Amino acid sequence: MEVAAVLFVIAILFVVKSIHVVPQQHAWVKERLGKYAGTLSPGLNFIIPFIEKVAYKHSLKEIPLDVPEQICITKDNTQLKVDGILYFQVTDPMRASYGASNYVLAITQLAQTTLRSVVGRLELDKTFEEREMINAQVVNAIDEAALNWGVKVLRYEIKDLTPPAEILRAMQAQITAEREKRALIAASEGKRQEQINLAEGERAAFIAKSEGERQAAINQAQGEAAAIREVAEATAQAIERIAAAIRQPGGEQAVQLKVAEKAVEAYARVAHDANTTLIVPSNMSEVSALIGSAMKMVGSIKNA
């Protein structure tokens, strides 16, 4: 009875040892008598107890790895504290188990040495500008070596770049001086633009004023010319009408009468002016003839 119980316990233990459930995104490496015998995939798996065993367990998820801070020397001999974070993933469980005794430590050390090499080829100012380039070179160098370890390096990110305190103070002073320089340049550019705007405004005002004066002169000249044309046209029309009237019957006699009347009026005004000395023509017969002709003309016009 006792033997049966022992055998039953051994059977249960045998079953328990033979059943293994692998979680999703995990891979377990199986060994048979100390030799690699395969990889257990996620789900229910069976092994031979006491002959086979699970030697290594790997997570196939993306793993973040904090790379410790280290001091790097730049190309211009400046000490720079740099730390970062590395993301990797196990792609080959067998190589991850047997390719390196500790692939995490190997990746960390390789990341540090590669980072020192990359930073050593750059000047201090460039290290702040070329973060993406530094990250890419570290990833390429580690990924090439990590193939033998069954690991895929996905990306590397620099967290902090910390120069010495003296360098920080010098950089702050340089930034302050640069900002003051930009402020002075901006102020001078503002004054320059203000002077340009004022000059352009004065120029535009002078041009507008001269254009106004020019247009006023043109308008005045055009008005005077129009007035002269109107007077000339009116005079011409009057002359044409007079000439047409003279050509009518009795027109010539009317002209002579008008001339005689004007002459009589002129002599009358001269005679009535007390301060005027009247000079009588030597040939009075001409005057009397002129007056007589005028009177005859008036009489003939009345008889007509």
C-alpha atoms as a PDB file:
ATOM      1  CA  MET A   1       0.000   0.000   0.000  1.00  0.00           C
ATOM      2  CA  GLU A   2       2.823   2.318   0.863  1.00  0.00           C
ATOM      3  CA  VAL A   3       4.565   1.508  -2.411  1.00  0.00           C
ATOM      4  CA  ALA A   4       1.456   2.403  -4.351  1.00  0.00           C
ATOM      5  CA  ALA A   5       1.231   5.723  -2.567  1.00  0.00           C
ATOM      6  CA  VAL A   6       4.856   6.451  -3.339  1.00  0.00           C
ATOM      7  CA  LEU A   7       4.350   5.551  -6.962  1.00  0.00           C
ATOM      8  CA  PHE A   8       1.282   7.777  -7.108  1.00  0.00           C
ATOM      9  CA  VAL A   9       3.201  10.723  -5.665  1.00  0.00           C
ATOM     10  CA  ILE A  10       6.024  10.119  -8.144  1.00  0.00           C
ATOM     11  CA  ALA A  11       3.524  10.029 -11.014  1.00  0.00           C
ATOM     12  CA  ILE A  12       1.946  13.303  -9.914  1.00  0.00           C
ATOM     13  CA  LEU A  13       5.364  14.894  -9.555  1.00  0.00           C
ATOM     14  CA  PHE A  14       6.335  13.577 -12.994  1.00  0.00           C
ATOM     15  CA  VAL A  15       3.223  15.111 -14.566  1.00  0.00           C
ATOM     16  CA  VAL A  16       3.730  18.422 -12.801  1.00  0.00           C
ATOM     17  CA  LYS A  17       7.356  18.608 -13.885  1.00  0.00           C
ATOM     18  CA  SER A  18       6.483  17.735 -17.478  1.00  0.00           C
ATOM     19  CA  ILE A  19       3.841  20.459 -17.964  1.00  0.00           C
ATOM     20  CA  HIS A  20       4.953  24.053 -18.572  1.00  0.00           C
ATOM     21  CA  VAL A  21       2.738  26.976 -19.604  1.00  0.00           C
ATOM     22  CA  VAL A  22       4.679  29.763 -21.358  1.00  0.00           C
ATOM     23  CA  PRO A  23       3.099  33.269 -21.206  1.00  0.00           C
ATOM     24  CA  GLN A  24       2.501  35.344 -24.318  1.00  0.00           C
ATOM     25  CA  GLN A  25       5.551  37.318 -25.583  1.00  0.00           C
ATOM     26  CA  HIS A  26       7.913  35.025 -23.736  1.00  0.00           C
ATOM     27  CA  ALA A  27      10.290  32.274 -24.885  1.00  0.00           C
ATOM     28  CA  TRP A  28      11.833  29.563 -22.717  1.00  0.00           C
ATOM     29  CA  VAL A  29      14.939  27.700 -23.737  1.00  0.00           C
ATOM     30  CA  LYS A  30      14.880  23.933 -23.138  1.00  0.00           C
ATOM     31  CA  GLU A  31      17.961  21.803 -22.482  1.00  0.00           C
ATOM     32  CA  ARG A  32      18.222  18.023 -22.631  1.00  0.00           C
ATOM     33  CA  LEU A  33      21.013  16.704 -20.452  1.00  0.00           C
ATOM     34  CA  GLY A  34      22.769  20.074 -20.610  1.00  0.00           C
ATOM     35  CA  LYS A  35      22.398  20.562 -24.365  1.00  0.00           C
ATOM     36  CA  TYR A  36      20.114  22.957 -26.208  1.00  0.00           C
ATOM     37  CA  ALA A  37      16.961  21.069 -27.191  1.00  0.00           C
ATOM     38  CA  GLY A  38      14.622  23.797 -28.490  1.00  0.00           C
ATOM     39  CA  THR A  39      12.567  26.794 -27.504  1.00  0.00           C
ATOM     40  CA  LEU A  40       9.184  26.584 -25.846  1.00  0.00           C
ATOM     41  CA  SER A  41       6.640  28.848 -27.497  1.00  0.00           C
ATOM     42  CA  PRO A  42       3.750  30.574 -25.655  1.00  0.00           C
ATOM     43  CA  GLY A  43       1.063  28.156 -24.497  1.00  0.00           C
ATOM     44  CA  LEU A  44       1.044  24.604 -23.111  1.00  0.00           C
ATOM     45  CA  ASN A  45       4.326  22.691 -23.489  1.00  0.00           C
ATOM     46  CA  PHE A  46       5.584  19.279 -22.297  1.00  0.00           C
ATOM     47  CA  ILE A  47       9.116  18.234 -21.369  1.00  0.00           C
ATOM     48  CA  ILE A  48      10.644  15.019 -20.055  1.00  0.00           C
ATOM     49  CA  PRO A  49      11.197  15.483 -16.321  1.00  0.00           C
ATOM     50  CA  PHE A  50      14.683  14.938 -14.899  1.00  0.00           C
ATOM     51  CA  ILE A  51      16.057  14.691 -18.459  1.00  0.00           C
ATOM     52  CA  GLU A  52      14.931  18.022 -19.901  1.00  0.00           C
ATOM     53  CA  LYS A  53      14.686  21.325 -18.120  1.00  0.00           C
ATOM     54  CA  VAL A  54      13.940  25.014 -18.752  1.00  0.00           C
ATOM     55  CA  ALA A  55      17.362  26.616 -18.631  1.00  0.00           C
ATOM     56  CA  TYR A  56      16.582  30.232 -19.672  1.00  0.00           C
ATOM     57  CA  LYS A  57      13.505  32.389 -19.741  1.00  0.00           C
ATOM     58  CA  HIS A  58      13.382  35.450 -22.011  1.00  0.00           C
ATOM     59  CA  SER A  59      10.840  38.217 -22.504  1.00  0.00           C
ATOM     60  CA  LEU A  60      10.248  39.136 -26.126  1.00  0.00           C
ATOM     61  CA  LYS A  61       8.857  42.556 -25.205  1.00  0.00           C
ATOM     62  CA  GLU A  62      10.674  45.844 -25.815  1.00  0.00           C
ATOM     63  CA  ILE A  63      12.895  46.481 -22.800  1.00  0.00           C
ATOM     64  CA  PRO A  64      14.128  49.933 -21.686  1.00  0.00           C
ATOM     65  CA  LEU A  65      17.650  49.910 -20.288  1.00  0.00           C
ATOM     66  CA  ASP A  66      19.016  52.871 -18.337  1.00  0.00           C
ATOM     67  CA  VAL A  67      22.612  53.579 -19.360  1.00  0.00           C
ATOM     68  CA  PRO A  68      24.510  54.993 -16.355  1.00  0.00           C
ATOM     69  CA  GLU A  69      25.925  58.520 -16.471  1.00  0.00           C
ATOM     70  CA  GLN A  70      29.512  58.793 -17.637  1.00  0.00           C
ATOM     71  CA  ILE A  71      32.037  61.544 -18.374  1.00  0.00           C
ATOM     72  CA  CYS A  72      32.937  62.061 -22.039  1.00  0.00           C
ATOM     73  CA  ILE A  73      35.712  64.279 -23.416  1.00  0.00           C
ATOM     74  CA  THR A  74      34.731  66.378 -26.426  1.00  0.00           C
ATOM     75  CA  LYS A  75      36.967  67.311 -29.346  1.00  0.00           C
ATOM     76  CA  ASP A  76      37.797  70.669 -27.724  1.00  0.00           C
ATOM     77  CA  ASN A  77      38.839  68.912 -24.465  1.00  0.00           C
ATOM     78  CA  THR A  78      35.723  69.688 -22.457  1.00  0.00           C
ATOM     79  CA  GLN A  79      34.320  67.232 -19.937  1.00  0.00           C
ATOM     80  CA  LEU A  80      30.691  66.388 -20.480  1.00  0.00           C
ATOM     81  CA  LYS A  81      28.449  64.200 -18.348  1.00  0.00           C
ATOM     82  CA  VAL A  82      26.130  62.124 -20.512  1.00  0.00           C
ATOM     83  CA  ASP A  83      23.467  59.588 -19.652  1.00  0.00           C
ATOM     84  CA  GLY A  84      20.815  57.956 -21.770  1.00  0.00           C
ATOM     85  CA  ILE A  85      18.284  55.202 -22.170  1.00  0.00           C
ATOM     86  CA  LEU A  86      18.474  52.254 -24.548  1.00  0.00           C
ATOM     87  CA  TYR A  87      15.552  50.240 -25.945  1.00  0.00           C
ATOM     88  CA  PHE A  88      16.172  46.677 -27.110  1.00  0.00           C
ATOM     89  CA  GLN A  89      14.293  43.453 -27.783  1.00  0.00           C
ATOM     90  CA  VAL A  90      15.275  39.777 -27.724  1.00  0.00           C
ATOM     91  CA  THR A  91      14.768  38.333 -31.201  1.00  0.00           C
ATOM     92  CA  ASP A  92      16.670  35.017 -30.925  1.00  0.00           C
ATOM     93  CA  PRO A  93      16.241  33.280 -27.536  1.00  0.00           C
ATOM     94  CA  MET A  94      18.897  30.642 -28.314  1.00  0.00           C
ATOM     95  CA  ARG A  95      21.624  33.256 -29.061  1.00  0.00           C
ATOM     96  CA  ALA A  96      20.494  35.362 -26.122  1.00  0.00           C
ATOM     97  CA  SER A  97      21.068  32.320 -23.927  1.00  0.00           C
ATOM     98  CA  TYR A  98      24.394  31.155 -25.279  1.00  0.00           C
ATOM     99  CA  GLY A  99      25.818  34.113 -27.215  1.00  0.00           C
ATOM    100  CA  ALA A 100      26.801  36.123 -24.143  1.00  0.00           C
ATOM    101  CA  SER A 101      26.936  35.354 -20.472  1.00  0.00           C
ATOM    102  CA  ASN A 102      25.111  38.632 -19.739  1.00  0.00           C
ATOM    103  CA  TYR A 103      23.840  40.426 -22.819  1.00  0.00           C
ATOM    104  CA  VAL A 104      22.334  43.277 -20.756  1.00  0.00           C
ATOM    105  CA  LEU A 105      25.728  44.147 -19.287  1.00  0.00           C
ATOM    106  CA  ALA A 106      27.338  43.752 -22.714  1.00  0.00           C
ATOM    107  CA  ILE A 107      24.852  46.150 -24.309  1.00  0.00           C
ATOM    108  CA  THR A 108      25.324  48.679 -21.511  1.00  0.00           C
ATOM    109  CA  GLN A 109      29.120  48.650 -21.767  1.00  0.00           C
ATOM    110  CA  LEU A 110      29.047  48.857 -25.548  1.00  0.00           C
ATOM    111  CA  ALA A 111      26.619  51.791 -25.402  1.00  0.00           C
ATOM    112  CA  GLN A 112      28.938  53.669 -23.058  1.00  0.00           C
ATOM    113  CA  THR A 113      32.096  53.067 -25.088  1.00  0.00           C
ATOM    114  CA  THR A 114      30.363  53.955 -28.360  1.00  0.00           C
ATOM    115  CA  LEU A 115      28.945  57.133 -26.842  1.00  0.00           C
ATOM    116  CA  ARG A 116      32.403  58.216 -25.635  1.00  0.00           C
ATOM    117  CA  SER A 117      33.800  57.604 -29.107  1.00  0.00           C
ATOM    118  CA  VAL A 118      31.060  59.576 -30.870  1.00  0.00           C
ATOM    119  CA  VAL A 119      31.182  62.519 -28.454  1.00  0.00           C
ATOM    120  CA  GLY A 120      34.990  62.617 -28.712  1.00  0.00           C
ATOM    121  CA  ARG A 121      34.692  63.490 -32.414  1.00  0.00           C
ATOM    122  CA  LEU A 122      32.447  66.508 -31.748  1.00  0.00           C
ATOM    123  CA  GLU A 123      33.009  69.933 -30.244  1.00  0.00           C
ATOM    124  CA  LEU A 124      30.987  70.994 -27.207  1.00  0.00           C
ATOM    125  CA  ASP A 125      28.537  73.192 -29.116  1.00  0.00           C
ATOM    126  CA  LYS A 126      27.926  70.472 -31.691  1.00  0.00           C
ATOM    127  CA  THR A 127      27.009  67.895 -29.034  1.00  0.00           C
ATOM    128  CA  PHE A 128      23.900  69.924 -28.171  1.00  0.00           C
ATOM    129  CA  GLU A 129      22.963  70.295 -31.848  1.00  0.00           C
ATOM    130  CA  GLU A 130      23.707  66.757 -33.038  1.00  0.00           C
ATOM    131  CA  ARG A 131      21.725  64.646 -30.576  1.00  0.00           C
ATOM    132  CA  GLU A 132      19.904  62.756 -33.304  1.00  0.00           C
ATOM    133  CA  MET A 133      23.184  61.967 -35.057  1.00  0.00           C
ATOM    134  CA  ILE A 134      24.738  60.725 -31.795  1.00  0.00           C
ATOM    135  CA  ASN A 135      21.705  58.542 -31.068  1.00  0.00           C
ATOM    136  CA  ALA A 136      21.781  57.046 -34.570  1.00  0.00           C
ATOM    137  CA  GLN A 137      25.493  56.215 -34.435  1.00  0.00           C
ATOM    138  CA  VAL A 138      25.173  54.546 -31.020  1.00  0.00           C
ATOM    139  CA  VAL A 139      22.253  52.436 -32.242  1.00  0.00           C
ATOM    140  CA  ASN A 140      24.104  51.364 -35.405  1.00  0.00           C
ATOM    141  CA  ALA A 141      27.249  50.366 -33.495  1.00  0.00           C
ATOM    142  CA  ILE A 142      25.402  48.389 -30.799  1.00  0.00           C
ATOM    143  CA  ASP A 143      22.967  46.750 -33.200  1.00  0.00           C
ATOM    144  CA  GLU A 144      25.787  45.382 -35.341  1.00  0.00           C
ATOM    145  CA  ALA A 145      27.468  43.723 -32.355  1.00  0.00           C
ATOM    146  CA  ALA A 146      24.209  42.631 -30.696  1.00  0.00           C
ATOM    147  CA  LEU A 147      23.269  40.348 -33.599  1.00  0.00           C
ATOM    148  CA  ASN A 148      25.490  37.639 -32.093  1.00  0.00           C
ATOM    149  CA  TRP A 149      23.632  38.005 -28.809  1.00  0.00           C
ATOM    150  CA  GLY A 150      20.174  37.525 -30.315  1.00  0.00           C
ATOM    151  CA  VAL A 151      19.207  41.082 -29.433  1.00  0.00           C
ATOM    152  CA  LYS A 152      17.837  43.868 -31.631  1.00  0.00           C
ATOM    153  CA  VAL A 153      18.652  47.421 -30.501  1.00  0.00           C
ATOM    154  CA  LEU A 154      15.682  49.625 -31.428  1.00  0.00           C
ATOM    155  CA  ARG A 155      16.752  53.132 -30.377  1.00  0.00           C
ATOM    156  CA  TYR A 156      18.915  55.142 -28.021  1.00  0.00           C
ATOM    157  CA  GLU A 157      18.008  58.488 -26.485  1.00  0.00           C
ATOM    158  CA  ILE A 158      20.303  60.902 -24.658  1.00  0.00           C
ATOM    159  CA  LYS A 159      18.602  62.120 -21.500  1.00  0.00           C
ATOM    160  CA  ASP A 160      21.035  64.735 -20.203  1.00  0.00           C
ATOM    161  CA  LEU A 161      24.158  66.536 -21.391  1.00  0.00           C
ATOM    162  CA  THR A 162      25.737  68.294 -18.433  1.00  0.00           C
ATOM    163  CA  PRO A 163      28.924  70.349 -18.919  1.00  0.00           C
ATOM    164  CA  PRO A 164      30.979  71.608 -15.936  1.00  0.00           C
ATOM    165  CA  ALA A 165      29.704  74.575 -13.906  1.00  0.00           C
ATOM    166  CA  GLU A 166      32.368  76.903 -15.343  1.00  0.00           C
ATOM    167  CA  ILE A 167      31.337  76.039 -18.874  1.00  0.00           C
ATOM    168  CA  LEU A 168      27.680  76.589 -17.977  1.00  0.00           C
ATOM    169  CA  ARG A 169      28.466  80.060 -16.622  1.00  0.00           C
ATOM    170  CA  ALA A 170      30.473  80.908 -19.731  1.00  0.00           C
ATOM    171  CA  MET A 171      27.687  79.643 -21.975  1.00  0.00           C
ATOM    172  CA  GLN A 172      25.140  81.679 -20.014  1.00  0.00           C
ATOM    173  CA  ALA A 173      27.307  84.792 -20.364  1.00  0.00           C
ATOM    174  CA  GLN A 174      27.651  84.139 -24.088  1.00  0.00           C
ATOM    175  CA  ILE A 175      23.903  83.708 -24.472  1.00  0.00           C
ATOM    176  CA  THR A 176      23.285  86.934 -22.521  1.00  0.00           C
ATOM    177  CA  ALA A 177      25.761  88.840 -24.692  1.00  0.00           C
ATOM    178  CA  GLU A 178      24.212  87.423 -27.828  1.00  0.00           C
ATOM    179  CA  ARG A 179      20.732  88.453 -26.717  1.00  0.00           C
ATOM    180  CA  GLU A 180      21.939  91.971 -25.857  1.00  0.00           C
ATOM    181  CA  LYS A 181      23.590  92.168 -29.268  1.00  0.00           C
ATOM    182  CA  ARG A 182      20.355  91.104 -30.944  1.00  0.00           C
ATOM    183  CA  ALA A 183      18.431  93.686 -28.922  1.00  0.00           C
ATOM    184  CA  LEU A 184      20.826  96.465 -30.001  1.00  0.00           C
ATOM    185  CA  ILE A 185      20.634  95.331 -33.609  1.00  0.00           C
ATOM    186  CA  ALA A 186      16.846  95.219 -33.444  1.00  0.00           C
ATOM    187  CA  ALA A 187      16.736  98.732 -31.925  1.00  0.00           C
ATOM    188  CA  SER A 188      19.081 100.128 -34.585  1.00  0.00           C
ATOM    189  CA  GLU A 189      17.084  98.434 -37.315  1.00  0.00           C
ATOM    190  CA  GLY A 190      13.944  99.970 -35.871  1.00  0.00           C
ATOM    191  CA  LYS A 191      15.473 103.456 -35.880  1.00  0.00           C
ATOM    192  CA  ARG A 192      16.783 102.929 -39.391  1.00  0.00           C
ATOM    193  CA  GLN A 193      13.379 101.818 -40.599  1.00  0.00           C
ATOM    194  CA  GLU A 194      11.772 104.779 -38.828  1.00  0.00           C
ATOM    195  CA  GLN A 195      14.098 107.206 -40.609  1.00  0.00           C
ATOM    196  CA  ILE A 196      13.424 105.491 -43.915  1.00  0.00           C
ATOM    197  CA  ASN A 197       9.671 105.722 -43.327  1.00  0.00           C
ATOM    198  CA  LEU A 198       9.899 109.408 -42.401  1.00  0.00           C
ATOM    199  CA  ALA A 199      12.017 110.156 -45.477  1.00  0.00           C
ATOM    200  CA  GLU A 200       9.649 108.248 -47.710  1.00  0.00           C
ATOM    201  CA  GLY A 201       6.695 110.072 -46.145  1.00  0.00           C
ATOM    202  CA  GLU A 202       8.302 113.477 -46.720  1.00  0.00           C
ATOM    203  CA  ARG A 203       9.173 112.497 -50.266  1.00  0.00           C
ATOM    204  CA  ALA A 204       5.626 111.301 -50.935  1.00  0.00           C
ATOM    205  CA  ALA A 205       4.194 114.513 -49.421  1.00  0.00           C
ATOM    206  CA  PHE A 206       6.522 116.686 -51.529  1.00  0.00           C
ATOM    207  CA  ILE A 207       5.595 114.737 -54.653  1.00  0.00           C
ATOM    208  CA  ALA A 208       1.901 115.008 -53.849  1.00  0.00           C
ATOM    209  CA  LYS A 209       2.242 118.758 -53.201  1.00  0.00           C
ATOM    210  CA  SER A 210       4.178 119.336 -56.427  1.00  0.00           C
ATOM    211  CA  GLU A 211       1.678 117.212 -58.330  1.00  0.00           C
ATOM    212  CA  GLY A 212      -1.139 119.290 -56.835  1.00  0.00           C
ATOM    213  CA  GLU A 213       0.543 122.559 -57.765  1.00  0.00           C
ATOM    214  CA  ARG A 214       1.255 121.238 -61.224  1.00  0.00           C
ATOM    215  CA  GLN A 215      -2.346 120.131 -61.673  1.00  0.00           C
ATOM    216  CA  ALA A 216      -3.596 123.497 -60.352  1.00  0.00           C
ATOM    217  CA  ALA A 217      -1.361 125.341 -62.831  1.00  0.00           C
ATOM    218  CA  ILE A 218      -2.585 123.080 -65.631  1.00  0.00           C
ATOM    219  CA  ASN A 219      -6.194 123.669 -64.619  1.00  0.00           C
ATOM    220  CA  GLN A 220      -5.648 127.479 -64.446  1.00  0.00           C
ATOM    221  CA  ALA A 221      -3.927 127.504 -67.838  1.00  0.00           C
ATOM    222  CA  GLN A 222      -6.675 125.389 -69.317  1.00  0.00           C
ATOM    223  CA  GLY A 223      -9.286 127.758 -67.823  1.00  0.00           C
ATOM    224  CA  GLU A 224      -7.558 130.832 -69.205  1.00  0.00           C
ATOM    225  CA  ALA A 225      -7.191 129.172 -72.596  1.00  0.00           C
ATOM    226  CA  ALA A 226     -10.869 128.228 -72.559  1.00  0.00           C
ATOM    227  CA  ALA A 227     -11.795 131.830 -71.634  1.00  0.00           C
ATOM    228  CA  ILE A 228      -9.624 133.206 -74.457  1.00  0.00           C
ATOM    229  CA  ARG A 229     -11.221 130.757 -76.855  1.00  0.00           C
ATOM    230  CA  GLU A 230     -14.685 131.788 -75.709  1.00  0.00           C
ATOM    231  CA  VAL A 231     -13.851 135.509 -76.099  1.00  0.00           C
ATOM    232  CA  ALA A 232     -12.309 134.899 -79.515  1.00  0.00           C
ATOM    233  CA  GLU A 233     -15.270 132.849 -80.627  1.00  0.00           C
ATOM    234  CA  ALA A 234     -17.670 135.537 -79.352  1.00  0.00           C
ATOM    235  CA  THR A 235     -15.653 138.292 -81.105  1.00  0.00           C
ATOM    236  CA  ALA A 236     -15.514 136.268 -84.287  1.00  0.00           C
ATOM    237  CA  GLN A 237     -19.256 135.692 -84.162  1.00  0.00           C
ATOM    238  CA  ALA A 238     -19.850 139.403 -83.555  1.00  0.00           C
ATOM    239  CA  ILE A 239     -17.598 140.332 -86.467  1.00  0.00           C
ATOM    240  CA  GLU A 240     -19.340 137.809 -88.682  1.00  0.00           C
ATOM    241  CA  ARG A 241     -22.731 139.239 -87.732  1.00  0.00           C
ATOM    242  CA  ILE A 242     -21.513 142.823 -88.345  1.00  0.00           C
ATOM    243  CA  ALA A 243     -20.083 141.809 -91.705  1.00  0.00           C
ATOM    244  CA  ALA A 244     -23.341 140.095 -92.593  1.00  0.00           C
ATOM    245  CA  ALA A 245     -25.314 143.170 -91.537  1.00  0.00           C
ATOM    246  CA  ILE A 246     -23.085 145.462 -93.629  1.00  0.00           C
ATOM    247  CA  ARG A 247     -23.738 143.308 -96.681  1.00  0.00           C
ATOM    248  CA  GLN A 248     -27.473 143.830 -96.230  1.00  0.00           C
ATOM    249  CA  PRO A 249     -29.170 146.810 -98.007  1.00  0.00           C
ATOM    250  CA  GLY A 250     -28.498 149.993 -96.038  1.00  0.00           C
ATOM    251  CA  GLY A 251     -25.745 148.332 -94.009  1.00  0.00           C
ATOM    252  CA  GLU A 252     -22.988 150.586 -95.235  1.00  0.00           C
ATOM    253  CA  GLN A 253     -25.055 153.707 -94.506  1.00  0.00           C
ATOM    254  CA  ALA A 254     -25.731 152.337 -90.966  1.00  0.00           C
ATOM    255  CA  VAL A 255     -22.012 151.970 -90.373  1.00  0.00           C
ATOM    256  CA  GLN A 256     -21.385 155.534 -91.549  1.00  0.00           C
ATOM    257  CA  LEU A 257     -24.178 156.743 -89.276  1.00  0.00           C
ATOM    258  CA  LYS A 258     -22.670 154.870 -86.307  1.00  0.00           C
ATOM    259  CA  VAL A 259     -19.293 156.405 -87.013  1.00  0.00           C
ATOM    260  CA  ALA A 260     -20.800 159.881 -87.236  1.00  0.00           C
ATOM    261  CA  GLU A 261     -22.682 159.390 -83.971  1.00  0.00           C
ATOM    262  CA  LYS A 262     -19.524 158.286 -82.193  1.00  0.00           C
ATOM    263  CA  ALA A 263     -17.687 161.299 -83.547  1.00  0.00           C
ATOM    264  CA  VAL A 264     -20.435 163.692 -82.401  1.00  0.00           C
ATOM    265  CA  GLU A 265     -20.532 162.024 -78.965  1.00  0.00           C
ATOM    266  CA  ALA A 266     -16.759 162.298 -78.656  1.00  0.00           C
ATOM    267  CA  TYR A 267     -16.786 166.028 -79.517  1.00  0.00           C
ATOM    268  CA  ALA A 268     -19.685 166.552 -77.135  1.00  0.00           C
ATOM    269  CA  ARG A 269     -17.879 164.905 -74.205  1.00  0.00           C
ATOM    270  CA  VAL A 270     -14.778 166.924 -74.954  1.00  0.00           C
ATOM    271  CA  ALA A 271     -16.745 170.146 -75.133  1.00  0.00           C
ATOM    272  CA  HIS A 272     -18.514 169.586 -71.799  1.00  0.00           C
ATOM    273  CA  ASP A 273     -15.245 168.883 -69.962  1.00  0.00           C
ATOM    274  CA  ALA A 274     -14.181 172.239 -68.440  1.00  0.00           C
ATOM    275  CA  ASN A 275     -10.598 171.150 -67.953  1.00  0.00           C
ATOM    276  CA  THR A 276     -10.146 170.025 -71.488  1.00  0.00           C
ATOM    277  CA  THR A 277      -8.959 172.236 -74.235  1.00  0.00           C
ATOM    278  CA  LEU A 278     -10.910 171.634 -77.418  1.00  0.00           C
ATOM    279  CA  ILE A 279      -8.803 171.633 -80.516  1.00  0.00           C
ATOM    280  CA  VAL A 280     -10.886 172.269 -83.611  1.00  0.00           C
ATOM    281  CA  PRO A 281      -9.645 170.799 -86.850  1.00  0.00           C
ATOM    282  CA  SER A 282      -8.281 173.274 -89.348  1.00  0.00           C
ATOM    283  CA  ASN A 283     -10.613 172.002 -92.014  1.00  0.00           C
ATOM    284  CA  MET A 284     -14.003 172.431 -90.384  1.00  0.00           C
ATOM    285  CA  SER A 285     -15.707 171.590 -93.622  1.00  0.00           C
ATOM    286  CA  GLU A 286     -14.767 167.961 -93.057  1.00  0.00           C
ATOM    287  CA  VAL A 287     -16.448 167.968 -89.675  1.00  0.00           C
ATOM    288  CA  SER A 288     -19.515 169.683 -90.985  1.00  0.00           C
ATOM    289  CA  ALA A 289     -19.552 167.337 -93.924  1.00  0.00           C
ATOM    290  CA  LEU A 290     -19.338 164.403 -91.510  1.00  0.00           C
ATOM    291  CA  ILE A 291     -22.186 165.758 -89.415  1.00  0.00           C
ATOM    292  CA  GLY A 292     -24.207 166.611 -92.510  1.00  0.00           C
ATOM    293  CA  SER A 293     -23.741 163.149 -93.859  1.00  0.00           C
ATOM    294  CA  ALA A 294     -24.815 161.748 -90.542  1.00  0.00           C
ATOM    295  CA  MET A 295     -27.954 163.904 -90.478  1.00  0.00           C
ATOM    296  CA  LYS A 296     -28.834 162.987 -94.046  1.00  0.00           C
ATOM    297  CA  MET A 297     -28.376 159.353 -93.171  1.00  0.00           C
ATOM    298  CA  VAL A 298     -30.689 159.716 -90.199  1.00  0.00           C
ATOM    299  CA  GLY A 299     -33.244 161.455 -92.368  1.00  0.00           C
ATOM    300  CA  SER A 300     -33.052 158.818 -95.080  1.00  0.00           C
ATOM    301  CA  ILE A 301     -33.423 156.063 -92.482  1.00  0.00           C
ATOM    302  CA  LYS A 302     -36.461 157.786 -90.980  1.00  0.00           C
ATOM    303  CA  ASN A 303     -38.022 158.296 -94.455  1.00  0.00           C
ATOM    304  CA  ALA A 304     -37.428 154.714 -95.265  1.00  0.00           C
END
